[in-house]
N, C-alpha and C. Protein backbone atom coordinates (compact mmCIF):
# COMPACT_ATOMS: atom_id res chain seq x y z
N UNK A 1 -66.45 71.24 46.91
CA UNK A 1 -66.33 69.93 47.53
C UNK A 1 -65.05 69.22 47.12
N UNK A 2 -64.59 69.46 45.92
CA UNK A 2 -63.36 68.80 45.46
C UNK A 2 -62.19 69.19 46.35
N UNK A 3 -62.17 70.43 46.80
CA UNK A 3 -61.06 70.89 47.62
C UNK A 3 -61.00 70.16 48.96
N UNK A 4 -62.10 69.55 49.37
CA UNK A 4 -62.10 68.87 50.65
C UNK A 4 -61.71 67.39 50.54
N UNK A 5 -61.54 66.89 49.32
CA UNK A 5 -61.14 65.50 49.13
C UNK A 5 -59.64 65.35 49.32
N UNK A 6 -59.26 64.25 49.92
CA UNK A 6 -57.83 63.97 50.00
C UNK A 6 -57.35 63.54 48.61
N UNK A 7 -56.08 63.59 48.41
CA UNK A 7 -55.51 63.18 47.12
C UNK A 7 -55.86 61.73 46.81
N UNK A 8 -55.76 60.86 47.80
CA UNK A 8 -56.09 59.45 47.60
C UNK A 8 -57.55 59.26 47.24
N UNK A 9 -58.44 59.98 47.91
CA UNK A 9 -59.87 59.87 47.62
C UNK A 9 -60.18 60.35 46.20
N UNK A 10 -59.58 61.47 45.83
CA UNK A 10 -59.80 61.99 44.48
C UNK A 10 -59.28 61.00 43.45
N UNK A 11 -58.11 60.45 43.67
CA UNK A 11 -57.54 59.47 42.73
C UNK A 11 -58.46 58.26 42.59
N UNK A 12 -59.01 57.82 43.70
CA UNK A 12 -59.91 56.67 43.67
C UNK A 12 -61.18 56.99 42.87
N UNK A 13 -61.75 58.16 43.10
CA UNK A 13 -62.97 58.57 42.38
C UNK A 13 -62.68 58.70 40.88
N UNK A 14 -61.53 59.26 40.54
CA UNK A 14 -61.21 59.48 39.14
C UNK A 14 -61.01 58.19 38.35
N UNK A 15 -60.80 57.09 39.04
CA UNK A 15 -60.68 55.81 38.34
C UNK A 15 -61.94 55.49 37.54
N UNK A 16 -63.07 55.96 38.02
CA UNK A 16 -64.35 55.73 37.33
C UNK A 16 -64.64 56.77 36.24
N UNK A 17 -63.78 57.78 36.13
CA UNK A 17 -63.99 58.86 35.16
C UNK A 17 -62.68 59.14 34.41
N UNK A 18 -62.33 58.29 33.45
CA UNK A 18 -61.03 58.40 32.78
C UNK A 18 -60.83 59.74 32.05
N UNK A 19 -61.89 60.32 31.49
CA UNK A 19 -61.72 61.60 30.81
C UNK A 19 -61.36 62.70 31.80
N UNK A 20 -62.02 62.70 32.93
CA UNK A 20 -61.70 63.69 33.97
C UNK A 20 -60.32 63.42 34.56
N UNK A 21 -59.97 62.15 34.67
CA UNK A 21 -58.65 61.80 35.19
C UNK A 21 -57.56 62.41 34.31
N UNK A 22 -57.76 62.36 32.99
CA UNK A 22 -56.81 62.95 32.05
C UNK A 22 -56.72 64.46 32.24
N UNK A 23 -57.85 65.10 32.46
CA UNK A 23 -57.84 66.55 32.69
C UNK A 23 -57.08 66.91 33.96
N UNK A 24 -57.29 66.14 35.01
CA UNK A 24 -56.58 66.39 36.26
C UNK A 24 -55.08 66.18 36.10
N UNK A 25 -54.71 65.15 35.35
CA UNK A 25 -53.28 64.89 35.13
C UNK A 25 -52.63 66.02 34.35
N UNK A 26 -53.34 66.51 33.32
CA UNK A 26 -52.80 67.63 32.54
C UNK A 26 -52.68 68.88 33.41
N UNK A 27 -53.70 69.13 34.23
CA UNK A 27 -53.66 70.30 35.11
C UNK A 27 -52.51 70.18 36.11
N UNK A 28 -52.32 69.01 36.67
CA UNK A 28 -51.22 68.80 37.63
C UNK A 28 -49.87 68.98 36.95
N UNK A 29 -49.75 68.51 35.71
CA UNK A 29 -48.51 68.66 34.97
C UNK A 29 -48.22 70.14 34.71
N UNK A 30 -49.23 70.89 34.29
CA UNK A 30 -49.04 72.32 34.06
C UNK A 30 -48.68 73.06 35.34
N UNK A 31 -49.32 72.70 36.44
CA UNK A 31 -49.00 73.35 37.71
C UNK A 31 -47.55 73.08 38.10
N UNK A 32 -47.09 71.86 37.89
CA UNK A 32 -45.70 71.52 38.20
C UNK A 32 -44.75 72.29 37.29
N UNK A 33 -45.08 72.39 36.01
CA UNK A 33 -44.24 73.13 35.07
C UNK A 33 -44.15 74.60 35.44
N UNK A 34 -45.29 75.19 35.80
CA UNK A 34 -45.28 76.60 36.22
C UNK A 34 -44.46 76.79 37.49
N UNK A 35 -44.53 75.85 38.41
CA UNK A 35 -43.75 75.94 39.66
C UNK A 35 -42.26 75.88 39.36
N UNK A 36 -41.87 74.99 38.46
CA UNK A 36 -40.46 74.87 38.08
C UNK A 36 -39.99 76.14 37.38
N UNK A 37 -40.81 76.68 36.48
CA UNK A 37 -40.45 77.91 35.78
C UNK A 37 -40.30 79.07 36.76
N UNK A 38 -41.14 79.10 37.78
CA UNK A 38 -41.05 80.16 38.78
C UNK A 38 -39.75 80.04 39.57
N UNK A 39 -39.41 78.84 39.97
CA UNK A 39 -38.14 78.62 40.70
C UNK A 39 -36.97 79.09 39.84
N UNK A 40 -36.99 78.70 38.57
CA UNK A 40 -35.91 79.07 37.66
C UNK A 40 -35.80 80.59 37.55
N UNK A 41 -36.94 81.25 37.34
CA UNK A 41 -36.95 82.70 37.17
C UNK A 41 -36.47 83.42 38.43
N UNK A 42 -36.94 82.99 39.59
CA UNK A 42 -36.55 83.62 40.85
C UNK A 42 -35.05 83.47 41.09
N UNK A 43 -34.53 82.27 40.86
CA UNK A 43 -33.10 82.05 41.08
C UNK A 43 -32.26 82.78 40.04
N UNK A 44 -32.77 82.91 38.82
CA UNK A 44 -32.03 83.61 37.78
C UNK A 44 -31.92 85.09 38.12
N UNK A 45 -33.01 85.69 38.57
CA UNK A 45 -33.01 87.11 38.94
C UNK A 45 -32.13 87.34 40.16
N UNK A 46 -32.20 86.45 41.14
CA UNK A 46 -31.43 86.61 42.38
C UNK A 46 -29.97 86.26 42.17
N UNK A 47 -29.67 85.62 41.05
CA UNK A 47 -28.31 85.15 40.75
C UNK A 47 -27.77 84.23 41.84
N UNK A 48 -28.67 83.53 42.49
CA UNK A 48 -28.30 82.52 43.49
C UNK A 48 -29.05 81.25 43.13
N UNK A 49 -28.33 80.13 43.21
CA UNK A 49 -28.96 78.86 42.87
C UNK A 49 -28.85 77.88 44.02
N UNK A 50 -29.97 77.30 44.33
CA UNK A 50 -30.00 76.21 45.31
C UNK A 50 -29.44 74.98 44.62
N UNK A 51 -28.44 74.34 45.18
CA UNK A 51 -27.85 73.16 44.54
C UNK A 51 -28.87 72.05 44.26
N UNK A 52 -29.93 71.99 45.04
CA UNK A 52 -30.96 70.97 44.82
C UNK A 52 -31.76 71.25 43.55
N UNK A 53 -31.71 72.48 43.07
CA UNK A 53 -32.46 72.86 41.88
C UNK A 53 -31.61 72.87 40.62
N UNK A 54 -30.43 72.31 40.69
CA UNK A 54 -29.53 72.32 39.53
C UNK A 54 -30.19 71.72 38.30
N UNK A 55 -30.97 70.67 38.50
CA UNK A 55 -31.62 70.01 37.36
C UNK A 55 -32.56 70.95 36.62
N UNK A 56 -33.17 71.88 37.35
CA UNK A 56 -34.08 72.84 36.71
C UNK A 56 -33.30 73.72 35.75
N UNK A 57 -32.17 74.21 36.20
CA UNK A 57 -31.34 75.07 35.35
C UNK A 57 -30.78 74.29 34.17
N UNK A 58 -30.43 73.04 34.40
CA UNK A 58 -29.94 72.19 33.31
C UNK A 58 -31.00 72.04 32.22
N UNK A 59 -32.24 71.84 32.61
CA UNK A 59 -33.33 71.68 31.64
C UNK A 59 -33.51 72.95 30.82
N UNK A 60 -33.55 74.11 31.48
CA UNK A 60 -33.76 75.36 30.76
C UNK A 60 -32.54 75.72 29.90
N UNK A 61 -31.35 75.44 30.39
CA UNK A 61 -30.15 75.72 29.60
C UNK A 61 -30.09 74.82 28.36
N UNK A 62 -30.48 73.58 28.50
CA UNK A 62 -30.52 72.68 27.35
C UNK A 62 -31.57 73.14 26.35
N UNK A 63 -32.73 73.54 26.84
CA UNK A 63 -33.79 74.03 25.95
C UNK A 63 -33.31 75.27 25.18
N UNK A 64 -32.59 76.14 25.86
CA UNK A 64 -32.06 77.33 25.21
C UNK A 64 -31.06 76.94 24.11
N UNK A 65 -30.20 75.98 24.40
CA UNK A 65 -29.18 75.55 23.44
C UNK A 65 -29.79 74.95 22.18
N UNK A 66 -30.90 74.25 22.32
CA UNK A 66 -31.50 73.62 21.15
C UNK A 66 -32.63 74.47 20.54
N UNK A 67 -32.78 75.68 21.06
CA UNK A 67 -33.72 76.62 20.47
C UNK A 67 -35.16 76.48 20.90
N UNK A 68 -35.41 75.99 22.10
CA UNK A 68 -36.78 75.83 22.58
C UNK A 68 -37.20 76.90 23.56
N UNK A 69 -36.46 77.98 23.62
CA UNK A 69 -36.80 79.01 24.60
C UNK A 69 -38.06 79.74 24.28
């Protein structure tokens, strides 16, 4: 049933459940991070970079420089 809720409806329902709201936010954050990592990996292997994704490469290059790889 959750899959059938719109984003706005789910957000509204989660207002009454702060613990679940936190879980959803963490899950959304992880999904976004995995998506960014996938874009980075695909572009790195292809050796082609979309100029709109420059910020992604900047983040990973900075992390590498400071030892967070």
